[in-house]
Amino acid sequence: MTTFTVWKFDDPYGADHASDVIQRAAAEDLVTVHSHAVVRWPVGASRPSTDESHDNWRGAGWGALWGLVVGALFFVPVVGGIVGAGLGAISRATRGTGITREQLEKIRTSLTEGSSALFLVTEHGDLDRLGERFHGARFKLVDTNLTADEREVLLETFGSAQ
């Protein structure tokens, strides 16, 4: 199953480190990464910056989606009703991905100055071995398209994810 997850780090470069760990794990066939994006918001910056990657042929479509989602969530001016209208447009664009308007709002409000986020689309992960790679890391699962039971297994495996 293809899994969408967003992980928040209370450090503007925590997602960069996690991305490196995930890429090494992918090179060792512990997980298939279709696409990922890193959003970092350093203290004092007026808005976050982003890097995205298309890790295989299936990632190209997700990469276009990352540009739309991240751009609309963080780079469009936030003025009253514009936020709601913008999220509505994004949620229509993400309809086939399993990402809901509520998830988009949660992602937008979770990432703040001084933090970072790792957006991942993965498949076939060896959760036990991946969990070992992140032992002791401080991060929070912001959102996912997993079922409640699958989410619980993910949170148990990654221990420090809150």
N, C-alpha and C. Protein backbone atom coordinates (compact mmCIF):
# COMPACT_ATOMS: atom_id res chain seq x y z
N MET A 1 0.84 -1.18 0.00
CA MET A 1 0.00 0.00 0.00
C MET A 1 0.89 1.25 0.00
N THR A 2 0.50 2.23 -0.77
CA THR A 2 1.21 3.50 -0.79
C THR A 2 0.75 4.32 0.41
N THR A 3 1.73 4.82 1.16
CA THR A 3 1.44 5.54 2.39
C THR A 3 1.92 6.98 2.29
N PHE A 4 1.06 7.90 2.66
CA PHE A 4 1.38 9.32 2.74
C PHE A 4 1.53 9.66 4.22
N THR A 5 2.66 10.26 4.60
CA THR A 5 2.85 10.71 5.98
C THR A 5 3.51 12.09 5.98
N VAL A 6 3.21 12.84 7.02
CA VAL A 6 3.86 14.13 7.26
C VAL A 6 4.39 14.10 8.68
N TRP A 7 5.70 14.31 8.83
CA TRP A 7 6.38 14.29 10.11
C TRP A 7 6.88 15.68 10.44
N LYS A 8 6.59 16.17 11.65
CA LYS A 8 7.04 17.49 12.08
C LYS A 8 8.21 17.35 13.06
N PHE A 9 9.18 18.24 12.90
CA PHE A 9 10.35 18.29 13.77
C PHE A 9 10.42 19.68 14.40
N ASP A 10 10.76 19.74 15.67
CA ASP A 10 10.84 21.03 16.37
C ASP A 10 12.20 21.68 16.17
N ASP A 11 12.78 21.45 15.03
CA ASP A 11 14.07 22.00 14.64
C ASP A 11 13.96 22.31 13.15
N PRO A 12 14.41 23.46 12.69
CA PRO A 12 14.24 23.79 11.28
C PRO A 12 14.99 22.86 10.32
N TYR A 13 15.94 22.07 10.84
CA TYR A 13 16.69 21.18 9.96
C TYR A 13 16.51 19.71 10.32
N GLY A 14 15.61 19.42 11.24
CA GLY A 14 15.33 18.03 11.62
C GLY A 14 14.82 17.20 10.46
N ALA A 15 13.97 17.79 9.62
CA ALA A 15 13.42 17.06 8.47
C ALA A 15 14.52 16.75 7.45
N ASP A 16 15.52 17.63 7.32
CA ASP A 16 16.64 17.34 6.41
C ASP A 16 17.38 16.10 6.87
N HIS A 17 17.65 16.01 8.17
CA HIS A 17 18.34 14.84 8.72
C HIS A 17 17.50 13.58 8.49
N ALA A 18 16.21 13.65 8.78
CA ALA A 18 15.33 12.50 8.59
C ALA A 18 15.27 12.08 7.13
N SER A 19 15.28 13.05 6.23
CA SER A 19 15.27 12.76 4.80
C SER A 19 16.52 11.98 4.41
N ASP A 20 17.66 12.38 4.96
CA ASP A 20 18.91 11.65 4.69
C ASP A 20 18.81 10.21 5.19
N VAL A 21 18.24 10.02 6.38
CA VAL A 21 18.08 8.68 6.95
C VAL A 21 17.18 7.83 6.05
N ILE A 22 16.06 8.41 5.62
CA ILE A 22 15.11 7.70 4.76
C ILE A 22 15.76 7.34 3.42
N GLN A 23 16.53 8.24 2.86
CA GLN A 23 17.19 7.97 1.58
C GLN A 23 18.20 6.82 1.71
N ARG A 24 18.94 6.79 2.81
CA ARG A 24 19.88 5.68 3.04
C ARG A 24 19.11 4.37 3.21
N ALA A 25 17.99 4.42 3.93
CA ALA A 25 17.16 3.23 4.12
C ALA A 25 16.60 2.75 2.79
N ALA A 26 16.22 3.66 1.93
CA ALA A 26 15.71 3.29 0.61
C ALA A 26 16.80 2.63 -0.22
N ALA A 27 18.03 3.14 -0.12
CA ALA A 27 19.15 2.54 -0.85
C ALA A 27 19.43 1.12 -0.38
N GLU A 28 19.06 0.81 0.86
CA GLU A 28 19.24 -0.53 1.42
C GLU A 28 17.98 -1.38 1.29
N ASP A 29 17.01 -0.90 0.51
CA ASP A 29 15.74 -1.60 0.25
C ASP A 29 14.90 -1.84 1.50
N LEU A 30 15.01 -0.95 2.49
CA LEU A 30 14.17 -1.04 3.68
C LEU A 30 12.82 -0.37 3.46
N VAL A 31 12.74 0.48 2.45
CA VAL A 31 11.51 1.18 2.13
C VAL A 31 11.60 1.66 0.68
N THR A 32 10.46 1.73 0.03
CA THR A 32 10.40 2.32 -1.30
C THR A 32 9.86 3.73 -1.14
N VAL A 33 10.65 4.71 -1.55
CA VAL A 33 10.23 6.11 -1.45
C VAL A 33 9.83 6.57 -2.85
N HIS A 34 8.55 6.90 -3.02
CA HIS A 34 8.08 7.38 -4.31
C HIS A 34 8.36 8.87 -4.47
N SER A 35 8.20 9.60 -3.39
CA SER A 35 8.45 11.03 -3.44
C SER A 35 8.56 11.55 -2.02
N HIS A 36 9.27 12.66 -1.88
CA HIS A 36 9.33 13.30 -0.57
C HIS A 36 9.61 14.78 -0.76
N ALA A 37 9.23 15.54 0.25
CA ALA A 37 9.51 16.97 0.26
C ALA A 37 9.90 17.36 1.68
N VAL A 38 10.86 18.28 1.77
CA VAL A 38 11.29 18.81 3.05
C VAL A 38 10.89 20.28 3.09
N VAL A 39 10.19 20.66 4.15
CA VAL A 39 9.83 22.06 4.37
C VAL A 39 10.51 22.48 5.66
N ARG A 40 11.31 23.54 5.58
CA ARG A 40 12.00 24.03 6.79
C ARG A 40 11.68 25.50 6.98
N TRP A 41 11.50 25.89 8.25
CA TRP A 41 11.16 27.26 8.56
C TRP A 41 12.10 27.76 9.65
N PRO A 42 13.27 28.27 9.27
CA PRO A 42 14.22 28.76 10.26
C PRO A 42 13.67 29.95 11.05
N VAL A 43 14.13 30.08 12.27
CA VAL A 43 13.74 31.21 13.12
C VAL A 43 14.17 32.49 12.42
N GLY A 44 13.27 33.46 12.35
CA GLY A 44 13.56 34.75 11.73
C GLY A 44 13.20 34.82 10.26
N ALA A 45 12.94 33.68 9.62
CA ALA A 45 12.55 33.68 8.21
C ALA A 45 11.08 34.07 8.10
N SER A 46 10.74 34.82 7.07
CA SER A 46 9.35 35.25 6.92
C SER A 46 8.42 34.13 6.49
N ARG A 47 8.99 33.10 5.88
CA ARG A 47 8.19 31.94 5.47
C ARG A 47 9.12 30.75 5.27
N PRO A 48 8.55 29.56 5.17
CA PRO A 48 9.38 28.36 5.02
C PRO A 48 9.96 28.24 3.61
N SER A 49 11.00 27.41 3.51
CA SER A 49 11.54 27.03 2.20
C SER A 49 11.28 25.55 2.00
N THR A 50 11.37 25.11 0.77
CA THR A 50 11.04 23.73 0.48
C THR A 50 11.98 23.13 -0.55
N ASP A 51 12.21 21.84 -0.43
CA ASP A 51 12.92 21.04 -1.42
C ASP A 51 12.08 19.79 -1.64
N GLU A 52 11.94 19.39 -2.88
CA GLU A 52 11.17 18.19 -3.17
C GLU A 52 11.95 17.28 -4.08
N SER A 53 11.62 16.01 -4.03
CA SER A 53 12.34 15.02 -4.82
C SER A 53 11.34 14.03 -5.41
N HIS A 54 11.64 13.61 -6.61
CA HIS A 54 10.85 12.57 -7.28
C HIS A 54 11.75 11.35 -7.33
N ASP A 55 11.54 10.44 -6.41
CA ASP A 55 12.48 9.36 -6.22
C ASP A 55 12.36 8.22 -7.22
N ASN A 56 11.25 8.14 -7.92
CA ASN A 56 11.13 7.16 -9.01
C ASN A 56 10.04 7.64 -9.95
N TRP A 57 9.72 6.87 -10.94
CA TRP A 57 8.77 7.31 -11.97
C TRP A 57 7.41 7.66 -11.40
N ARG A 58 6.99 6.99 -10.33
CA ARG A 58 5.68 7.30 -9.73
C ARG A 58 5.73 8.61 -8.96
N GLY A 59 6.93 9.05 -8.58
CA GLY A 59 7.08 10.26 -7.79
C GLY A 59 6.83 11.54 -8.55
N ALA A 60 6.91 11.51 -9.87
CA ALA A 60 6.75 12.74 -10.64
C ALA A 60 5.39 13.40 -10.38
N GLY A 61 4.35 12.60 -10.34
CA GLY A 61 3.01 13.15 -10.06
C GLY A 61 2.92 13.71 -8.66
N TRP A 62 3.53 13.02 -7.69
CA TRP A 62 3.54 13.52 -6.32
C TRP A 62 4.36 14.80 -6.22
N GLY A 63 5.44 14.89 -6.97
CA GLY A 63 6.27 16.09 -6.94
C GLY A 63 5.49 17.32 -7.35
N ALA A 64 4.68 17.18 -8.39
CA ALA A 64 3.82 18.29 -8.81
C ALA A 64 2.84 18.64 -7.70
N LEU A 65 2.33 17.60 -7.04
CA LEU A 65 1.40 17.83 -5.93
C LEU A 65 2.10 18.55 -4.78
N TRP A 66 3.34 18.15 -4.45
CA TRP A 66 4.07 18.83 -3.36
C TRP A 66 4.16 20.32 -3.67
N GLY A 67 4.52 20.65 -4.91
CA GLY A 67 4.64 22.06 -5.27
C GLY A 67 3.34 22.81 -5.04
N LEU A 68 2.24 22.22 -5.44
CA LEU A 68 0.93 22.84 -5.25
C LEU A 68 0.58 22.96 -3.78
N VAL A 69 0.70 21.86 -3.04
CA VAL A 69 0.31 21.84 -1.63
C VAL A 69 1.19 22.78 -0.80
N VAL A 70 2.50 22.62 -0.89
CA VAL A 70 3.40 23.44 -0.08
C VAL A 70 3.27 24.91 -0.47
N GLY A 71 3.21 25.18 -1.76
CA GLY A 71 3.08 26.56 -2.21
C GLY A 71 1.81 27.21 -1.69
N ALA A 72 0.70 26.51 -1.82
CA ALA A 72 -0.57 27.08 -1.38
C ALA A 72 -0.68 27.16 0.13
N LEU A 73 -0.12 26.18 0.84
CA LEU A 73 -0.22 26.19 2.30
C LEU A 73 0.64 27.28 2.93
N PHE A 74 1.81 27.54 2.37
CA PHE A 74 2.76 28.40 3.06
C PHE A 74 3.16 29.67 2.32
N PHE A 75 2.88 29.76 1.03
CA PHE A 75 3.35 30.93 0.29
C PHE A 75 2.25 31.85 -0.19
N VAL A 76 1.00 31.40 -0.13
CA VAL A 76 -0.12 32.26 -0.49
C VAL A 76 -0.43 33.13 0.73
N PRO A 77 -0.68 34.42 0.53
CA PRO A 77 -0.98 35.28 1.68
C PRO A 77 -2.15 34.73 2.50
N VAL A 78 -1.99 34.78 3.80
CA VAL A 78 -3.01 34.27 4.71
C VAL A 78 -3.88 35.44 5.16
N VAL A 79 -5.02 35.60 4.51
CA VAL A 79 -5.93 36.70 4.83
C VAL A 79 -7.34 36.15 4.91
N GLY A 80 -7.90 36.13 6.10
CA GLY A 80 -9.31 35.76 6.31
C GLY A 80 -9.78 34.59 5.49
N GLY A 81 -10.80 34.85 4.64
CA GLY A 81 -11.44 33.81 3.85
C GLY A 81 -10.56 33.22 2.77
N ILE A 82 -9.46 33.88 2.44
CA ILE A 82 -8.58 33.37 1.40
C ILE A 82 -8.01 32.01 1.79
N VAL A 83 -7.72 31.83 3.07
CA VAL A 83 -7.19 30.54 3.53
C VAL A 83 -8.19 29.43 3.24
N GLY A 84 -9.45 29.64 3.61
CA GLY A 84 -10.48 28.63 3.37
C GLY A 84 -10.66 28.33 1.89
N ALA A 85 -10.68 29.37 1.07
CA ALA A 85 -10.82 29.18 -0.37
C ALA A 85 -9.62 28.44 -0.93
N GLY A 86 -8.42 28.82 -0.47
CA GLY A 86 -7.21 28.16 -0.95
C GLY A 86 -7.18 26.69 -0.57
N LEU A 87 -7.56 26.38 0.66
CA LEU A 87 -7.58 24.99 1.10
C LEU A 87 -8.63 24.20 0.32
N GLY A 88 -9.74 24.85 -0.01
CA GLY A 88 -10.76 24.19 -0.81
C GLY A 88 -10.23 23.81 -2.18
N ALA A 89 -9.50 24.73 -2.81
CA ALA A 89 -8.92 24.46 -4.13
C ALA A 89 -7.88 23.35 -4.05
N ILE A 90 -7.05 23.38 -3.02
CA ILE A 90 -6.03 22.34 -2.86
C ILE A 90 -6.70 21.00 -2.61
N SER A 91 -7.72 20.98 -1.75
CA SER A 91 -8.36 19.70 -1.44
C SER A 91 -9.01 19.10 -2.68
N ARG A 92 -9.51 19.94 -3.60
CA ARG A 92 -10.03 19.40 -4.86
C ARG A 92 -8.89 18.80 -5.68
N ALA A 93 -7.74 19.45 -5.69
CA ALA A 93 -6.59 18.95 -6.45
C ALA A 93 -6.04 17.66 -5.86
N THR A 94 -6.19 17.47 -4.55
CA THR A 94 -5.64 16.28 -3.88
C THR A 94 -6.68 15.18 -3.70
N ARG A 95 -7.86 15.36 -4.26
CA ARG A 95 -8.98 14.43 -4.03
C ARG A 95 -8.58 12.97 -4.26
N GLY A 96 -7.86 12.66 -5.31
CA GLY A 96 -7.51 11.27 -5.62
C GLY A 96 -6.35 10.73 -4.80
N THR A 97 -5.74 11.54 -3.96
CA THR A 97 -4.58 11.10 -3.19
C THR A 97 -4.93 10.60 -1.80
N GLY A 98 -6.14 10.88 -1.35
CA GLY A 98 -6.52 10.51 0.00
C GLY A 98 -6.20 11.59 1.02
N ILE A 99 -5.71 12.74 0.58
CA ILE A 99 -5.41 13.85 1.48
C ILE A 99 -6.63 14.75 1.55
N THR A 100 -7.15 14.96 2.75
CA THR A 100 -8.38 15.73 2.92
C THR A 100 -8.10 17.20 3.26
N ARG A 101 -9.13 18.00 3.17
CA ARG A 101 -9.04 19.41 3.53
C ARG A 101 -8.65 19.56 5.01
N GLU A 102 -9.20 18.71 5.86
CA GLU A 102 -8.88 18.75 7.28
C GLU A 102 -7.40 18.45 7.52
N GLN A 103 -6.87 17.48 6.77
CA GLN A 103 -5.45 17.16 6.89
C GLN A 103 -4.59 18.34 6.44
N LEU A 104 -4.99 18.99 5.36
CA LEU A 104 -4.24 20.14 4.87
C LEU A 104 -4.22 21.26 5.91
N GLU A 105 -5.35 21.51 6.54
CA GLU A 105 -5.41 22.54 7.58
C GLU A 105 -4.52 22.16 8.75
N LYS A 106 -4.55 20.90 9.14
CA LYS A 106 -3.71 20.44 10.24
C LYS A 106 -2.22 20.61 9.91
N ILE A 107 -1.85 20.28 8.69
CA ILE A 107 -0.46 20.45 8.26
C ILE A 107 -0.07 21.92 8.29
N ARG A 108 -0.95 22.78 7.77
CA ARG A 108 -0.65 24.22 7.70
C ARG A 108 -0.45 24.81 9.08
N THR A 109 -1.26 24.42 10.03
CA THR A 109 -1.16 25.01 11.37
C THR A 109 -0.06 24.35 12.21
N SER A 110 0.38 23.16 11.84
CA SER A 110 1.42 22.47 12.61
C SER A 110 2.81 23.01 12.35
N LEU A 111 3.08 23.38 11.12
CA LEU A 111 4.43 23.86 10.79
C LEU A 111 4.53 25.35 11.12
N THR A 112 5.42 25.66 12.03
CA THR A 112 5.59 27.04 12.49
C THR A 112 7.06 27.43 12.42
N GLU A 113 7.33 28.69 12.59
CA GLU A 113 8.70 29.18 12.59
C GLU A 113 9.53 28.38 13.60
N GLY A 114 10.73 27.97 13.19
CA GLY A 114 11.61 27.18 14.05
C GLY A 114 11.39 25.69 13.95
N SER A 115 10.57 25.25 12.99
CA SER A 115 10.30 23.82 12.84
C SER A 115 10.51 23.41 11.38
N SER A 116 10.35 22.13 11.11
CA SER A 116 10.46 21.61 9.75
C SER A 116 9.52 20.41 9.63
N ALA A 117 9.28 20.00 8.39
CA ALA A 117 8.40 18.85 8.15
C ALA A 117 8.94 18.04 6.98
N LEU A 118 8.73 16.74 7.09
CA LEU A 118 9.09 15.81 6.03
C LEU A 118 7.80 15.19 5.51
N PHE A 119 7.51 15.42 4.23
CA PHE A 119 6.35 14.86 3.55
C PHE A 119 6.86 13.63 2.80
N LEU A 120 6.25 12.48 3.02
CA LEU A 120 6.71 11.24 2.39
C LEU A 120 5.58 10.48 1.72
N VAL A 121 5.89 9.89 0.58
CA VAL A 121 5.02 8.90 -0.05
C VAL A 121 5.89 7.66 -0.19
N THR A 122 5.54 6.62 0.57
CA THR A 122 6.36 5.42 0.64
C THR A 122 5.52 4.17 0.41
N GLU A 123 6.23 3.07 0.28
CA GLU A 123 5.57 1.78 0.11
C GLU A 123 6.54 0.69 0.58
N HIS A 124 6.00 -0.41 1.03
CA HIS A 124 6.80 -1.58 1.38
C HIS A 124 7.91 -1.27 2.39
N GLY A 125 7.58 -0.66 3.48
CA GLY A 125 8.59 -0.34 4.49
C GLY A 125 8.77 -1.45 5.50
N ASP A 126 10.00 -1.69 5.90
CA ASP A 126 10.33 -2.59 6.99
C ASP A 126 10.30 -1.74 8.25
N LEU A 127 9.12 -1.65 8.88
CA LEU A 127 8.93 -0.72 9.99
C LEU A 127 9.89 -0.96 11.14
N ASP A 128 10.15 -2.20 11.48
CA ASP A 128 11.05 -2.46 12.61
C ASP A 128 12.44 -1.90 12.35
N ARG A 129 12.98 -2.17 11.18
CA ARG A 129 14.34 -1.68 10.88
C ARG A 129 14.35 -0.16 10.68
N LEU A 130 13.29 0.39 10.11
CA LEU A 130 13.22 1.85 9.97
C LEU A 130 13.11 2.51 11.34
N GLY A 131 12.30 1.91 12.21
CA GLY A 131 12.14 2.44 13.57
C GLY A 131 13.46 2.52 14.31
N GLU A 132 14.32 1.52 14.10
CA GLU A 132 15.65 1.52 14.73
C GLU A 132 16.47 2.73 14.28
N ARG A 133 16.32 3.12 13.03
CA ARG A 133 17.07 4.25 12.48
C ARG A 133 16.66 5.58 13.12
N PHE A 134 15.44 5.63 13.63
CA PHE A 134 14.92 6.88 14.20
C PHE A 134 14.85 6.85 15.72
N HIS A 135 15.42 5.82 16.32
CA HIS A 135 15.39 5.70 17.79
C HIS A 135 15.99 6.95 18.43
N GLY A 136 15.25 7.57 19.33
CA GLY A 136 15.72 8.75 20.05
C GLY A 136 15.47 10.06 19.34
N ALA A 137 15.02 10.02 18.10
CA ALA A 137 14.73 11.26 17.36
C ALA A 137 13.45 11.88 17.90
N ARG A 138 13.37 13.20 17.86
CA ARG A 138 12.19 13.91 18.35
C ARG A 138 11.39 14.40 17.15
N PHE A 139 10.21 13.84 16.95
CA PHE A 139 9.35 14.24 15.85
C PHE A 139 7.92 13.85 16.17
N LYS A 140 7.01 14.36 15.37
CA LYS A 140 5.59 14.10 15.59
C LYS A 140 4.96 13.74 14.26
N LEU A 141 4.14 12.71 14.25
CA LEU A 141 3.37 12.36 13.06
C LEU A 141 2.22 13.34 12.97
N VAL A 142 2.25 14.22 11.98
CA VAL A 142 1.19 15.22 11.82
C VAL A 142 -0.02 14.59 11.18
N ASP A 143 0.20 13.83 10.10
CA ASP A 143 -0.94 13.21 9.44
C ASP A 143 -0.50 12.08 8.52
N THR A 144 -1.47 11.23 8.19
CA THR A 144 -1.21 10.06 7.34
C THR A 144 -2.52 9.59 6.73
N ASN A 145 -2.43 8.79 5.69
CA ASN A 145 -3.61 8.18 5.09
C ASN A 145 -3.82 6.76 5.60
N LEU A 146 -3.10 6.37 6.63
CA LEU A 146 -3.24 5.03 7.21
C LEU A 146 -4.53 4.91 8.00
N THR A 147 -4.99 3.68 8.18
CA THR A 147 -6.14 3.44 9.04
C THR A 147 -5.71 3.66 10.49
N ALA A 148 -6.65 3.72 11.39
CA ALA A 148 -6.33 3.93 12.81
C ALA A 148 -5.41 2.82 13.33
N ASP A 149 -5.68 1.56 12.97
CA ASP A 149 -4.84 0.46 13.42
C ASP A 149 -3.43 0.54 12.84
N GLU A 150 -3.34 0.86 11.55
CA GLU A 150 -2.03 0.99 10.92
C GLU A 150 -1.25 2.15 11.53
N ARG A 151 -1.95 3.23 11.82
CA ARG A 151 -1.32 4.40 12.44
C ARG A 151 -0.76 4.04 13.82
N GLU A 152 -1.51 3.26 14.58
CA GLU A 152 -1.07 2.84 15.92
C GLU A 152 0.21 2.01 15.84
N VAL A 153 0.27 1.10 14.87
CA VAL A 153 1.48 0.29 14.67
C VAL A 153 2.65 1.20 14.32
N LEU A 154 2.42 2.16 13.45
CA LEU A 154 3.48 3.10 13.06
C LEU A 154 3.99 3.88 14.27
N LEU A 155 3.08 4.39 15.08
CA LEU A 155 3.47 5.16 16.26
C LEU A 155 4.21 4.30 17.28
N GLU A 156 3.77 3.04 17.46
CA GLU A 156 4.46 2.14 18.38
C GLU A 156 5.87 1.83 17.87
N THR A 157 6.00 1.62 16.57
CA THR A 157 7.30 1.28 15.99
C THR A 157 8.29 2.42 16.11
N PHE A 158 7.82 3.65 15.88
CA PHE A 158 8.72 4.79 15.91
C PHE A 158 8.81 5.43 17.27
N GLY A 159 8.28 4.78 18.28
CA GLY A 159 8.42 5.13 19.68
C GLY A 159 8.38 6.58 20.06
N SER A 160 9.30 7.41 19.56
CA SER A 160 9.34 8.80 19.98
C SER A 160 8.38 9.67 19.19
N ALA A 161 7.72 9.13 18.18
CA ALA A 161 6.75 9.93 17.44
C ALA A 161 5.55 10.18 18.35
N GLN A 162 5.15 11.41 18.44
CA GLN A 162 4.06 11.74 19.37
C GLN A 162 2.88 12.33 18.67
